[in-house]
Protein backbone atom coordinates (compact mmCIF):
# COMPACT_ATOMS: atom_id res chain seq x y z
CA UNK A 1 127.47 43.62 176.58
CA UNK A 2 130.92 45.04 175.83
CA UNK A 3 129.55 48.55 176.26
CA UNK A 4 128.30 47.69 179.76
CA UNK A 5 131.64 46.25 180.79
CA UNK A 6 133.46 49.29 179.39
CA UNK A 7 131.06 51.61 181.24
CA UNK A 8 131.51 49.61 184.47
CA UNK A 9 135.29 49.69 184.11
CA UNK A 10 135.27 53.45 183.43
CA UNK A 11 133.04 54.12 186.46
CA UNK A 12 135.26 51.93 188.58
CA UNK A 13 138.36 53.87 187.55
CA UNK A 14 136.66 57.21 188.19
CA UNK A 15 135.52 56.10 191.63
CA UNK A 16 139.00 54.83 192.49
CA UNK A 17 140.59 58.07 191.29
CA UNK A 18 138.11 60.17 193.30
CA UNK A 19 138.72 58.14 196.45
CA UNK A 20 142.49 58.38 196.02
CA UNK A 21 142.28 62.14 195.56
CA UNK A 22 140.18 62.74 198.67
CA UNK A 23 142.42 60.46 200.72
CA UNK A 24 145.51 62.54 199.88
CA UNK A 25 143.96 65.97 200.54
CA UNK A 26 144.55 67.44 204.00
CA UNK A 27 141.43 67.93 206.10
CA UNK A 28 139.91 71.40 206.02
CA UNK A 29 140.98 73.60 208.90
CA UNK A 30 138.32 73.96 211.55
CA UNK A 31 137.91 77.52 212.85
CA UNK A 32 138.61 77.91 216.58
CA UNK A 33 135.00 78.88 217.35
CA UNK A 34 133.76 75.60 215.88
CA UNK A 35 136.04 73.55 218.13
CA UNK A 36 135.26 75.52 221.29
CA UNK A 37 133.54 73.72 224.11
CA UNK A 38 130.18 74.99 225.26
CA UNK A 39 131.71 76.73 228.30
CA UNK A 40 134.51 78.35 226.28
CA UNK A 41 134.10 82.01 225.35
CA UNK A 42 135.05 83.78 222.12
CA UNK A 43 135.87 87.50 221.97
CA UNK A 44 132.45 88.33 220.49
CA UNK A 45 130.64 86.44 223.24
CA UNK A 46 132.90 88.00 225.91
CA UNK A 47 132.23 91.51 224.62
CA UNK A 48 128.50 90.93 224.27
CA UNK A 49 128.15 89.62 227.82
CA UNK A 50 130.20 92.40 229.38
CA UNK A 51 128.60 95.14 227.30
CA UNK A 52 125.12 93.96 228.24
CA UNK A 53 126.02 94.05 231.93
CA UNK A 54 127.79 97.41 231.78
CA UNK A 55 125.20 99.14 229.60
CA UNK A 56 122.70 98.47 232.40
CA UNK A 57 124.37 101.52 233.97
CA UNK A 58 122.92 103.66 231.15
CA UNK A 59 119.85 104.66 233.13
CA UNK A 60 118.77 107.49 230.82
CA UNK A 61 118.95 105.26 227.71
CA UNK A 62 121.10 107.61 225.61
CA UNK A 63 123.55 104.85 224.63
CA UNK A 64 126.41 106.13 226.74
CA UNK A 65 127.33 106.12 230.41
CA UNK A 66 128.12 109.30 232.31
CA UNK A 67 130.34 109.43 235.37
CA UNK A 68 127.27 109.85 237.62
CA UNK A 69 125.63 106.77 236.06
CA UNK A 70 128.88 104.85 236.46
CA UNK A 71 129.24 105.80 240.12
CA UNK A 72 125.64 104.75 240.86
CA UNK A 73 126.17 101.48 238.97
CA UNK A 74 129.38 100.69 240.85
CA UNK A 75 127.74 101.51 244.21
CA UNK A 76 124.79 99.23 243.39
CA UNK A 77 127.22 96.39 242.62
CA UNK A 78 129.30 97.09 245.77
CA UNK A 79 132.47 97.46 243.70
CA UNK A 80 135.56 98.35 245.70
CA UNK A 81 137.89 101.07 244.53
CA UNK A 82 137.48 104.52 243.08
CA UNK A 83 134.73 104.57 240.41
CA UNK A 84 136.23 107.72 238.87
CA UNK A 85 139.51 105.87 238.21
CA UNK A 86 137.81 102.90 236.59
CA UNK A 87 135.62 105.27 234.55
CA UNK A 88 138.69 107.15 233.30
CA UNK A 89 140.34 103.85 232.33
CA UNK A 90 137.40 102.92 230.07
CA UNK A 91 136.68 106.45 228.76
CA UNK A 92 139.57 106.35 226.30
CA UNK A 93 138.64 109.50 224.36
CA UNK A 94 138.12 111.46 227.62
CA UNK A 95 134.81 112.98 226.56
CA UNK A 96 133.15 112.27 229.91
CA UNK A 97 131.09 109.33 228.61
CA UNK A 98 131.62 105.63 228.02
CA UNK A 99 130.10 104.42 224.75
CA UNK A 100 129.87 101.00 223.10
CA UNK A 101 133.02 101.50 221.00
CA UNK A 102 135.06 102.28 224.11
CA UNK A 103 133.61 99.24 225.87
CA UNK A 104 134.46 97.01 222.90
CA UNK A 105 138.05 98.29 222.85
CA UNK A 106 138.41 97.93 226.62
CA UNK A 107 137.06 94.39 226.66
CA UNK A 108 139.16 93.37 223.64
CA UNK A 109 142.28 94.36 225.61
CA UNK A 110 141.04 92.50 228.68
CA UNK A 111 140.22 89.43 226.59
CA UNK A 112 143.71 89.46 225.06
CA UNK A 113 145.28 89.58 228.55
CA UNK A 114 143.16 86.66 229.76
CA UNK A 115 143.68 84.55 226.63
CA UNK A 116 147.04 83.16 227.73
CA UNK A 117 147.58 80.86 224.74
CA UNK A 118 146.34 83.40 222.17
CA UNK A 119 143.92 81.00 220.47
CA UNK A 120 140.98 83.45 220.50
CA UNK A 121 139.00 81.40 223.02
CA UNK A 122 138.82 81.72 226.79
CA UNK A 123 138.71 78.32 228.42
CA UNK A 124 137.76 77.70 232.03
CA UNK A 125 141.35 77.71 233.23
CA UNK A 126 141.97 81.13 231.64
CA UNK A 127 138.98 82.86 233.25
CA UNK A 128 139.51 84.38 236.69
CA UNK A 129 137.08 83.11 239.27
CA UNK A 130 136.33 79.93 237.32
CA UNK A 131 136.58 76.76 239.40
CA UNK A 132 139.35 75.41 237.15
CA UNK A 133 141.35 78.66 237.05
CA UNK A 134 144.72 78.57 238.78
CA UNK A 135 144.59 80.11 242.25
CA UNK A 136 146.96 83.00 243.01
CA UNK A 137 149.71 82.23 245.53
CA UNK A 138 148.69 83.15 249.08
């Protein structure tokens, strides 16, 4: 009988100590991606979406986009402006082709410009064209 009461007391003290310890520990930090809303976009998601859309211009399937492919792609999408200028902006190594690495670098820069608060997540109000984005002054 004494053994049971000693065991119960010991278990009680261990439980109390464990509860006290967990109550004083700070909560684990939640990574930004885990707290993002469904409509929020991380850099990886941003790059994947853009790359998928842009690589549709790679009509010959060689994994890179030539200036001719780019011009045809821009004409199909009715993009305003000089396609040669936009091509040169993305073709950072100036080899005459846009590859996935150049797209990733280009979109990482664009993402950083859009991510106004620098938290690594684009929210609706940070994305241009989104219904909650601030409208430019007219």
